[in-house]
């Protein structure tokens, strides 16, 4: 971490078909396609946490983002990402 920002490291991973199926069922189960496009705190914070999720399907591209507020399914989604990539994800 440098100056309050998390440095992003690009990393190639091999996705196993079975793990991908489990992840995609979690996407459906957690109704991620029904998330609002933008999540923002009622009280803006200058040094808070921003996030975004982009999902590209053959039918549609989805973009969800937020600042200091998350969908109620966020922790389940992060857990599913962690299982998919074999690393803790939050």
PDB file of N, CA and C in Angstrom:
ATOM      1  N   UNK A   1       0.854  -1.167   0.000  1.00  0.00           N
ATOM      2  CA  UNK A   1       0.000   0.000   0.000  1.00  0.00           C
ATOM      3  C   UNK A   1       0.899   1.229   0.000  1.00  0.00           C
ATOM      4  N   UNK A   2       0.566   2.171  -0.845  1.00  0.00           N
ATOM      5  CA  UNK A   2       1.374   3.368  -0.961  1.00  0.00           C
ATOM      6  C   UNK A   2       0.447   4.575  -0.994  1.00  0.00           C
ATOM      7  N   UNK A   3       0.620   5.509  -0.078  1.00  0.00           N
ATOM      8  CA  UNK A   3      -0.184   6.718  -0.027  1.00  0.00           C
ATOM      9  C   UNK A   3      -1.683   6.440   0.040  1.00  0.00           C
ATOM     10  N   UNK A   4      -2.072   5.380   0.724  1.00  0.00           N
ATOM     11  CA  UNK A   4      -3.482   5.082   0.901  1.00  0.00           C
ATOM     12  C   UNK A   4      -4.135   4.352  -0.254  1.00  0.00           C
ATOM     13  N   UNK A   5      -3.383   4.009  -1.279  1.00  0.00           N
ATOM     14  CA  UNK A   5      -3.942   3.301  -2.424  1.00  0.00           C
ATOM     15  C   UNK A   5      -3.404   1.883  -2.466  1.00  0.00           C
ATOM     16  N   UNK A   6      -4.240   0.957  -2.854  1.00  0.00           N
ATOM     17  CA  UNK A   6      -3.804  -0.421  -3.024  1.00  0.00           C
ATOM     18  C   UNK A   6      -3.238  -0.558  -4.425  1.00  0.00           C
ATOM     19  N   UNK A   7      -2.019  -1.040  -4.510  1.00  0.00           N
ATOM     20  CA  UNK A   7      -1.414  -1.249  -5.821  1.00  0.00           C
ATOM     21  C   UNK A   7      -1.999  -2.503  -6.450  1.00  0.00           C
ATOM     22  N   UNK A   8      -2.333  -2.431  -7.702  1.00  0.00           N
ATOM     23  CA  UNK A   8      -2.921  -3.564  -8.404  1.00  0.00           C
ATOM     24  C   UNK A   8      -1.832  -4.327  -9.146  1.00  0.00           C
ATOM     25  N   UNK A   9      -1.841  -5.628  -8.987  1.00  0.00           N
ATOM     26  CA  UNK A   9      -0.888  -6.486  -9.665  1.00  0.00           C
ATOM     27  C   UNK A   9      -1.663  -7.385 -10.612  1.00  0.00           C
ATOM     28  N   UNK A  10      -1.277  -7.368 -11.869  1.00  0.00           N
ATOM     29  CA  UNK A  10      -1.924  -8.247 -12.832  1.00  0.00           C
ATOM     30  C   UNK A  10      -1.308  -9.628 -12.723  1.00  0.00           C
ATOM     31  N   UNK A  11      -2.170 -10.630 -12.799  1.00  0.00           N
ATOM     32  CA  UNK A  11      -1.706 -12.000 -12.625  1.00  0.00           C
ATOM     33  C   UNK A  11      -2.565 -12.903 -13.511  1.00  0.00           C
ATOM     34  N   UNK A  12      -1.927 -13.776 -14.253  1.00  0.00           N
ATOM     35  CA  UNK A  12      -2.673 -14.739 -15.055  1.00  0.00           C
ATOM     36  C   UNK A  12      -3.023 -15.943 -14.195  1.00  0.00           C
ATOM     37  N   UNK A  13      -4.250 -16.406 -14.328  1.00  0.00           N
ATOM     38  CA  UNK A  13      -4.669 -17.609 -13.613  1.00  0.00           C
ATOM     39  C   UNK A  13      -5.343 -18.547 -14.605  1.00  0.00           C
ATOM     40  N   UNK A  14      -5.316 -19.812 -14.299  1.00  0.00           N
ATOM     41  CA  UNK A  14      -6.002 -20.804 -15.114  1.00  0.00           C
ATOM     42  C   UNK A  14      -7.307 -21.146 -14.400  1.00  0.00           C
ATOM     43  N   UNK A  15      -8.411 -20.921 -15.092  1.00  0.00           N
ATOM     44  CA  UNK A  15      -9.716 -21.202 -14.504  1.00  0.00           C
ATOM     45  C   UNK A  15     -10.134 -22.626 -14.852  1.00  0.00           C
ATOM     46  N   UNK A  16     -10.376 -23.417 -13.842  1.00  0.00           N
ATOM     47  CA  UNK A  16     -10.863 -24.764 -14.059  1.00  0.00           C
ATOM     48  C   UNK A  16     -12.354 -24.712 -14.362  1.00  0.00           C
ATOM     49  N   UNK A  17     -12.797 -25.505 -15.314  1.00  0.00           N
ATOM     50  CA  UNK A  17     -14.182 -25.508 -15.760  1.00  0.00           C
ATOM     51  C   UNK A  17     -15.154 -25.693 -14.596  1.00  0.00           C
ATOM     52  N   UNK A  18     -14.851 -26.606 -13.698  1.00  0.00           N
ATOM     53  CA  UNK A  18     -15.754 -26.872 -12.576  1.00  0.00           C
ATOM     54  C   UNK A  18     -15.860 -25.665 -11.642  1.00  0.00           C
ATOM     55  N   UNK A  19     -14.743 -25.012 -11.365  1.00  0.00           N
ATOM     56  CA  UNK A  19     -14.774 -23.818 -10.516  1.00  0.00           C
ATOM     57  C   UNK A  19     -15.537 -22.691 -11.188  1.00  0.00           C
ATOM     58  N   UNK A  20     -15.386 -22.571 -12.492  1.00  0.00           N
ATOM     59  CA  UNK A  20     -16.110 -21.540 -13.226  1.00  0.00           C
ATOM     60  C   UNK A  20     -17.616 -21.783 -13.158  1.00  0.00           C
ATOM     61  N   UNK A  21     -18.039 -23.029 -13.289  1.00  0.00           N
ATOM     62  CA  UNK A  21     -19.463 -23.364 -13.176  1.00  0.00           C
ATOM     63  C   UNK A  21     -20.001 -22.996 -11.801  1.00  0.00           C
ATOM     64  N   UNK A  22     -19.224 -23.309 -10.767  1.00  0.00           N
ATOM     65  CA  UNK A  22     -19.639 -22.984  -9.394  1.00  0.00           C
ATOM     66  C   UNK A  22     -19.732 -21.469  -9.220  1.00  0.00           C
ATOM     67  N   UNK A  23     -18.752 -20.738  -9.752  1.00  0.00           N
ATOM     68  CA  UNK A  23     -18.773 -19.282  -9.652  1.00  0.00           C
ATOM     69  C   UNK A  23     -20.007 -18.711 -10.347  1.00  0.00           C
ATOM     70  N   UNK A  24     -20.273 -19.174 -11.564  1.00  0.00           N
ATOM     71  CA  UNK A  24     -21.416 -18.653 -12.315  1.00  0.00           C
ATOM     72  C   UNK A  24     -22.744 -18.976 -11.635  1.00  0.00           C
ATOM     73  N   UNK A  25     -22.827 -20.126 -10.983  1.00  0.00           N
ATOM     74  CA  UNK A  25     -24.064 -20.421 -10.235  1.00  0.00           C
ATOM     75  C   UNK A  25     -24.188 -19.466  -9.046  1.00  0.00           C
ATOM     76  N   UNK A  26     -23.049 -19.070  -8.444  1.00  0.00           N
ATOM     77  CA  UNK A  26     -23.067 -18.073  -7.377  1.00  0.00           C
ATOM     78  C   UNK A  26     -23.504 -16.712  -7.873  1.00  0.00           C
ATOM     79  N   UNK A  27     -23.088 -16.350  -9.088  1.00  0.00           N
ATOM     80  CA  UNK A  27     -23.527 -15.084  -9.700  1.00  0.00           C
ATOM     81  C   UNK A  27     -25.052 -15.077  -9.809  1.00  0.00           C
ATOM     82  N   UNK A  28     -25.615 -16.167 -10.265  1.00  0.00           N
ATOM     83  CA  UNK A  28     -27.085 -16.272 -10.376  1.00  0.00           C
ATOM     84  C   UNK A  28     -27.737 -16.287  -8.997  1.00  0.00           C
ATOM     85  N   UNK A  29     -27.213 -17.095  -8.098  1.00  0.00           N
ATOM     86  CA  UNK A  29     -27.787 -17.242  -6.758  1.00  0.00           C
ATOM     87  C   UNK A  29     -27.789 -15.907  -6.005  1.00  0.00           C
ATOM     88  N   UNK A  30     -26.720 -15.143  -6.162  1.00  0.00           N
ATOM     89  CA  UNK A  30     -26.607 -13.863  -5.476  1.00  0.00           C
ATOM     90  C   UNK A  30     -27.228 -12.706  -6.253  1.00  0.00           C
ATOM     91  N   UNK A  31     -27.869 -13.029  -7.355  1.00  0.00           N
ATOM     92  CA  UNK A  31     -28.622 -12.044  -8.155  1.00  0.00           C
ATOM     93  C   UNK A  31     -27.769 -10.841  -8.548  1.00  0.00           C
ATOM     94  N   UNK A  32     -26.536 -11.104  -8.912  1.00  0.00           N
ATOM     95  CA  UNK A  32     -25.620 -10.015  -9.240  1.00  0.00           C
ATOM     96  C   UNK A  32     -26.124  -9.203 -10.433  1.00  0.00           C
ATOM     97  N   UNK A  33     -26.774  -9.851 -11.386  1.00  0.00           N
ATOM     98  CA  UNK A  33     -27.285  -9.120 -12.543  1.00  0.00           C
ATOM     99  C   UNK A  33     -28.411  -8.165 -12.162  1.00  0.00           C
ATOM    100  N   UNK A  34     -28.924  -8.271 -10.961  1.00  0.00           N
ATOM    101  CA  UNK A  34     -29.993  -7.388 -10.476  1.00  0.00           C
ATOM    102  C   UNK A  34     -29.446  -6.253  -9.605  1.00  0.00           C
ATOM    103  N   UNK A  35     -28.123  -6.208  -9.402  1.00  0.00           N
ATOM    104  CA  UNK A  35     -27.541  -5.134  -8.609  1.00  0.00           C
ATOM    105  C   UNK A  35     -27.845  -3.787  -9.253  1.00  0.00           C
ATOM    106  N   UNK A  36     -27.894  -2.750  -8.427  1.00  0.00           N
ATOM    107  CA  UNK A  36     -28.001  -1.391  -8.956  1.00  0.00           C
ATOM    108  C   UNK A  36     -26.675  -1.063  -9.652  1.00  0.00           C
ATOM    109  N   UNK A  37     -26.711  -0.140 -10.590  1.00  0.00           N
ATOM    110  CA  UNK A  37     -25.487   0.228 -11.293  1.00  0.00           C
ATOM    111  C   UNK A  37     -24.516   0.991 -10.396  1.00  0.00           C
ATOM    112  N   UNK A  38     -25.051   1.794  -9.475  1.00  0.00           N
ATOM    113  CA  UNK A  38     -24.205   2.627  -8.625  1.00  0.00           C
ATOM    114  C   UNK A  38     -24.652   2.520  -7.173  1.00  0.00           C
ATOM    115  N   UNK A  39     -23.676   2.340  -6.280  1.00  0.00           N
ATOM    116  CA  UNK A  39     -23.907   2.315  -4.833  1.00  0.00           C
ATOM    117  C   UNK A  39     -23.077   3.438  -4.225  1.00  0.00           C
ATOM    118  N   UNK A  40     -23.770   4.385  -3.579  1.00  0.00           N
ATOM    119  CA  UNK A  40     -23.059   5.497  -2.953  1.00  0.00           C
ATOM    120  C   UNK A  40     -23.604   5.724  -1.553  1.00  0.00           C
ATOM    121  N   UNK A  41     -22.709   6.068  -0.650  1.00  0.00           N
ATOM    122  CA  UNK A  41     -23.083   6.379   0.718  1.00  0.00           C
ATOM    123  C   UNK A  41     -23.895   7.672   0.735  1.00  0.00           C
ATOM    124  N   UNK A  42     -24.825   7.762   1.672  1.00  0.00           N
ATOM    125  CA  UNK A  42     -25.602   8.992   1.817  1.00  0.00           C
ATOM    126  C   UNK A  42     -24.726  10.153   2.279  1.00  0.00           C
ATOM    127  N   UNK A  43     -23.635   9.817   2.952  1.00  0.00           N
ATOM    128  CA  UNK A  43     -22.719  10.827   3.463  1.00  0.00           C
ATOM    129  C   UNK A  43     -21.372  10.658   2.768  1.00  0.00           C
ATOM    130  N   UNK A  44     -21.089  11.476   1.755  1.00  0.00           N
ATOM    131  CA  UNK A  44     -19.849  11.333   0.996  1.00  0.00           C
ATOM    132  C   UNK A  44     -18.601  11.389   1.888  1.00  0.00           C
ATOM    133  N   UNK A  45     -17.619  10.575   1.533  1.00  0.00           N
ATOM    134  CA  UNK A  45     -16.346  10.513   2.240  1.00  0.00           C
ATOM    135  C   UNK A  45     -15.244  10.707   1.206  1.00  0.00           C
ATOM    136  N   UNK A  46     -14.323  11.607   1.471  1.00  0.00           N
ATOM    137  CA  UNK A  46     -13.261  11.894   0.493  1.00  0.00           C
ATOM    138  C   UNK A  46     -12.213  10.796   0.408  1.00  0.00           C
ATOM    139  N   UNK A  47     -11.960  10.109   1.496  1.00  0.00           N
ATOM    140  CA  UNK A  47     -10.894   9.107   1.479  1.00  0.00           C
ATOM    141  C   UNK A  47     -11.435   7.697   1.695  1.00  0.00           C
ATOM    142  N   UNK A  48     -12.586   7.417   1.131  1.00  0.00           N
ATOM    143  CA  UNK A  48     -13.213   6.111   1.312  1.00  0.00           C
ATOM    144  C   UNK A  48     -12.748   5.090   0.301  1.00  0.00           C
ATOM    145  N   UNK A  49     -13.542   4.055   0.157  1.00  0.00           N
ATOM    146  CA  UNK A  49     -13.219   2.943  -0.729  1.00  0.00           C
ATOM    147  C   UNK A  49     -14.143   2.948  -1.939  1.00  0.00           C
ATOM    148  N   UNK A  50     -13.554   2.913  -3.116  1.00  0.00           N
ATOM    149  CA  UNK A  50     -14.316   2.798  -4.365  1.00  0.00           C
ATOM    150  C   UNK A  50     -14.088   1.418  -4.948  1.00  0.00           C
ATOM    151  N   UNK A  51     -15.081   0.904  -5.656  1.00  0.00           N
ATOM    152  CA  UNK A  51     -14.969  -0.425  -6.251  1.00  0.00           C
ATOM    153  C   UNK A  51     -15.751  -0.448  -7.554  1.00  0.00           C
ATOM    154  N   UNK A  52     -15.446  -1.425  -8.385  1.00  0.00           N
ATOM    155  CA  UNK A  52     -16.234  -1.651  -9.601  1.00  0.00           C
ATOM    156  C   UNK A  52     -16.144  -3.116  -9.995  1.00  0.00           C
ATOM    157  N   UNK A  53     -17.209  -3.594 -10.610  1.00  0.00           N
ATOM    158  CA  UNK A  53     -17.274  -4.958 -11.131  1.00  0.00           C
ATOM    159  C   UNK A  53     -17.806  -4.861 -12.550  1.00  0.00           C
ATOM    160  N   UNK A  54     -17.081  -5.449 -13.473  1.00  0.00           N
ATOM    161  CA  UNK A  54     -17.507  -5.501 -14.868  1.00  0.00           C
ATOM    162  C   UNK A  54     -17.699  -6.960 -15.248  1.00  0.00           C
ATOM    163  N   UNK A  55     -18.886  -7.271 -15.777  1.00  0.00           N
ATOM    164  CA  UNK A  55     -19.181  -8.628 -16.240  1.00  0.00           C
ATOM    165  C   UNK A  55     -19.615  -8.536 -17.697  1.00  0.00           C
ATOM    166  N   UNK A  56     -18.938  -9.283 -18.537  1.00  0.00           N
ATOM    167  CA  UNK A  56     -19.244  -9.268 -19.965  1.00  0.00           C
ATOM    168  C   UNK A  56     -19.798 -10.636 -20.345  1.00  0.00           C
ATOM    169  N   UNK A  57     -21.022 -10.649 -20.875  1.00  0.00           N
ATOM    170  CA  UNK A  57     -21.632 -11.879 -21.350  1.00  0.00           C
ATOM    171  C   UNK A  57     -21.849 -11.762 -22.851  1.00  0.00           C
ATOM    172  N   UNK A  58     -22.278 -12.849 -23.468  1.00  0.00           N
ATOM    173  CA  UNK A  58     -22.508 -12.785 -24.913  1.00  0.00           C
ATOM    174  C   UNK A  58     -23.694 -11.886 -25.254  1.00  0.00           C
ATOM    175  N   UNK A  59     -24.597 -11.659 -24.281  1.00  0.00           N
ATOM    176  CA  UNK A  59     -25.788 -10.858 -24.530  1.00  0.00           C
ATOM    177  C   UNK A  59     -25.695  -9.415 -24.051  1.00  0.00           C
ATOM    178  N   UNK A  60     -24.872  -9.170 -23.028  1.00  0.00           N
ATOM    179  CA  UNK A  60     -24.875  -7.840 -22.426  1.00  0.00           C
ATOM    180  C   UNK A  60     -23.604  -7.620 -21.612  1.00  0.00           C
ATOM    181  N   UNK A  61     -23.204  -6.359 -21.506  1.00  0.00           N
ATOM    182  CA  UNK A  61     -22.105  -5.967 -20.626  1.00  0.00           C
ATOM    183  C   UNK A  61     -22.694  -5.296 -19.398  1.00  0.00           C
ATOM    184  N   UNK A  62     -22.198  -5.661 -18.235  1.00  0.00           N
ATOM    185  CA  UNK A  62     -22.685  -5.108 -16.974  1.00  0.00           C
ATOM    186  C   UNK A  62     -21.547  -4.360 -16.296  1.00  0.00           C
ATOM    187  N   UNK A  63     -21.867  -3.208 -15.700  1.00  0.00           N
ATOM    188  CA  UNK A  63     -20.899  -2.466 -14.904  1.00  0.00           C
ATOM    189  C   UNK A  63     -21.595  -2.013 -13.630  1.00  0.00           C
ATOM    190  N   UNK A  64     -21.025  -2.397 -12.502  1.00  0.00           N
ATOM    191  CA  UNK A  64     -21.535  -2.014 -11.199  1.00  0.00           C
ATOM    192  C   UNK A  64     -20.386  -1.322 -10.473  1.00  0.00           C
ATOM    193  N   UNK A  65     -20.703  -0.252  -9.745  1.00  0.00           N
ATOM    194  CA  UNK A  65     -19.652   0.454  -9.030  1.00  0.00           C
ATOM    195  C   UNK A  65     -20.203   1.128  -7.792  1.00  0.00           C
ATOM    196  N   UNK A  66     -19.292   1.483  -6.903  1.00  0.00           N
ATOM    197  CA  UNK A  66     -19.737   2.129  -5.688  1.00  0.00           C
ATOM    198  C   UNK A  66     -18.630   2.852  -4.965  1.00  0.00           C
ATOM    199  N   UNK A  67     -19.056   3.621  -3.979  1.00  0.00           N
ATOM    200  CA  UNK A  67     -18.138   4.348  -3.132  1.00  0.00           C
ATOM    201  C   UNK A  67     -18.667   4.280  -1.701  1.00  0.00           C
ATOM    202  N   UNK A  68     -17.969   3.535  -0.870  1.00  0.00           N
ATOM    203  CA  UNK A  68     -18.311   3.383   0.543  1.00  0.00           C
ATOM    204  C   UNK A  68     -19.671   2.735   0.788  1.00  0.00           C
ATOM    205  N   UNK A  69     -20.198   2.076  -0.205  1.00  0.00           N
ATOM    206  CA  UNK A  69     -21.450   1.329  -0.061  1.00  0.00           C
ATOM    207  C   UNK A  69     -21.401   0.150  -1.023  1.00  0.00           C
ATOM    208  N   UNK A  70     -21.978  -0.979  -0.569  1.00  0.00           N
ATOM    209  CA  UNK A  70     -21.886  -2.216  -1.340  1.00  0.00           C
ATOM    210  C   UNK A  70     -23.255  -2.883  -1.427  1.00  0.00           C
ATOM    211  N   UNK A  71     -23.465  -3.716  -2.436  1.00  0.00           N
ATOM    212  CA  UNK A  71     -24.689  -4.515  -2.480  1.00  0.00           C
ATOM    213  C   UNK A  71     -24.715  -5.467  -1.285  1.00  0.00           C
ATOM    214  N   UNK A  72     -25.884  -5.876  -0.861  1.00  0.00           N
ATOM    215  CA  UNK A  72     -25.975  -6.754   0.312  1.00  0.00           C
ATOM    216  C   UNK A  72     -25.294  -8.102   0.075  1.00  0.00           C
ATOM    217  N   UNK A  73     -25.140  -8.515  -1.169  1.00  0.00           N
ATOM    218  CA  UNK A  73     -24.514  -9.796  -1.510  1.00  0.00           C
ATOM    219  C   UNK A  73     -22.998  -9.685  -1.672  1.00  0.00           C
ATOM    220  N   UNK A  74     -22.420  -8.532  -1.373  1.00  0.00           N
ATOM    221  CA  UNK A  74     -21.007  -8.275  -1.640  1.00  0.00           C
ATOM    222  C   UNK A  74     -20.079  -9.308  -1.017  1.00  0.00           C
ATOM    223  N   UNK A  75     -20.275  -9.627   0.251  1.00  0.00           N
ATOM    224  CA  UNK A  75     -19.359 -10.562   0.917  1.00  0.00           C
ATOM    225  C   UNK A  75     -19.449 -11.956   0.294  1.00  0.00           C
ATOM    226  N   UNK A  76     -20.641 -12.372  -0.117  1.00  0.00           N
ATOM    227  CA  UNK A  76     -20.786 -13.676  -0.793  1.00  0.00           C
ATOM    228  C   UNK A  76     -20.082 -13.648  -2.148  1.00  0.00           C
ATOM    229  N   UNK A  77     -20.225 -12.536  -2.860  1.00  0.00           N
ATOM    230  CA  UNK A  77     -19.562 -12.386  -4.154  1.00  0.00           C
ATOM    231  C   UNK A  77     -18.042 -12.468  -3.991  1.00  0.00           C
ATOM    232  N   UNK A  78     -17.500 -11.760  -2.995  1.00  0.00           N
ATOM    233  CA  UNK A  78     -16.049 -11.787  -2.752  1.00  0.00           C
ATOM    234  C   UNK A  78     -15.589 -13.195  -2.386  1.00  0.00           C
ATOM    235  N   UNK A  79     -16.380 -13.900  -1.600  1.00  0.00           N
ATOM    236  CA  UNK A  79     -16.028 -15.276  -1.236  1.00  0.00           C
ATOM    237  C   UNK A  79     -15.985 -16.153  -2.494  1.00  0.00           C
ATOM    238  N   UNK A  80     -16.974 -15.987  -3.379  1.00  0.00           N
ATOM    239  CA  UNK A  80     -17.013 -16.769  -4.618  1.00  0.00           C
ATOM    240  C   UNK A  80     -15.815 -16.451  -5.516  1.00  0.00           C
ATOM    241  N   UNK A  81     -15.412 -15.175  -5.589  1.00  0.00           N
ATOM    242  CA  UNK A  81     -14.227 -14.802  -6.368  1.00  0.00           C
ATOM    243  C   UNK A  81     -12.998 -15.491  -5.778  1.00  0.00           C
ATOM    244  N   UNK A  82     -12.878 -15.458  -4.457  1.00  0.00           N
ATOM    245  CA  UNK A  82     -11.744 -16.097  -3.789  1.00  0.00           C
ATOM    246  C   UNK A  82     -11.654 -17.582  -4.086  1.00  0.00           C
ATOM    247  N   UNK A  83     -12.804 -18.259  -4.084  1.00  0.00           N
ATOM    248  CA  UNK A  83     -12.817 -19.689  -4.408  1.00  0.00           C
ATOM    249  C   UNK A  83     -12.412 -19.925  -5.861  1.00  0.00           C
ATOM    250  N   UNK A  84     -12.829 -19.022  -6.734  1.00  0.00           N
ATOM    251  CA  UNK A  84     -12.509 -19.154  -8.155  1.00  0.00           C
ATOM    252  C   UNK A  84     -11.015 -19.019  -8.411  1.00  0.00           C
ATOM    253  N   UNK A  85     -10.359 -18.079  -7.735  1.00  0.00           N
ATOM    254  CA  UNK A  85      -8.949 -17.805  -8.006  1.00  0.00           C
ATOM    255  C   UNK A  85      -8.005 -18.413  -6.969  1.00  0.00           C
ATOM    256  N   UNK A  86      -8.547 -19.147  -6.011  1.00  0.00           N
ATOM    257  CA  UNK A  86      -7.746 -19.794  -4.953  1.00  0.00           C
ATOM    258  C   UNK A  86      -6.941 -18.798  -4.128  1.00  0.00           C
ATOM    259  N   UNK A  87      -7.545 -17.641  -3.854  1.00  0.00           N
ATOM    260  CA  UNK A  87      -6.921 -16.625  -3.010  1.00  0.00           C
ATOM    261  C   UNK A  87      -8.012 -15.890  -2.251  1.00  0.00           C
ATOM    262  N   UNK A  88      -7.628 -15.352  -1.094  1.00  0.00           N
ATOM    263  CA  UNK A  88      -8.580 -14.525  -0.362  1.00  0.00           C
ATOM    264  C   UNK A  88      -8.867 -13.275  -1.183  1.00  0.00           C
ATOM    265  N   UNK A  89     -10.118 -12.876  -1.242  1.00  0.00           N
ATOM    266  CA  UNK A  89     -10.519 -11.718  -2.009  1.00  0.00           C
ATOM    267  C   UNK A  89     -11.536 -10.940  -1.198  1.00  0.00           C
ATOM    268  N   UNK A  90     -11.307  -9.640  -1.057  1.00  0.00           N
ATOM    269  CA  UNK A  90     -12.269  -8.815  -0.320  1.00  0.00           C
ATOM    270  C   UNK A  90     -12.352  -7.432  -0.910  1.00  0.00           C
TER     271      UNK A  90
END
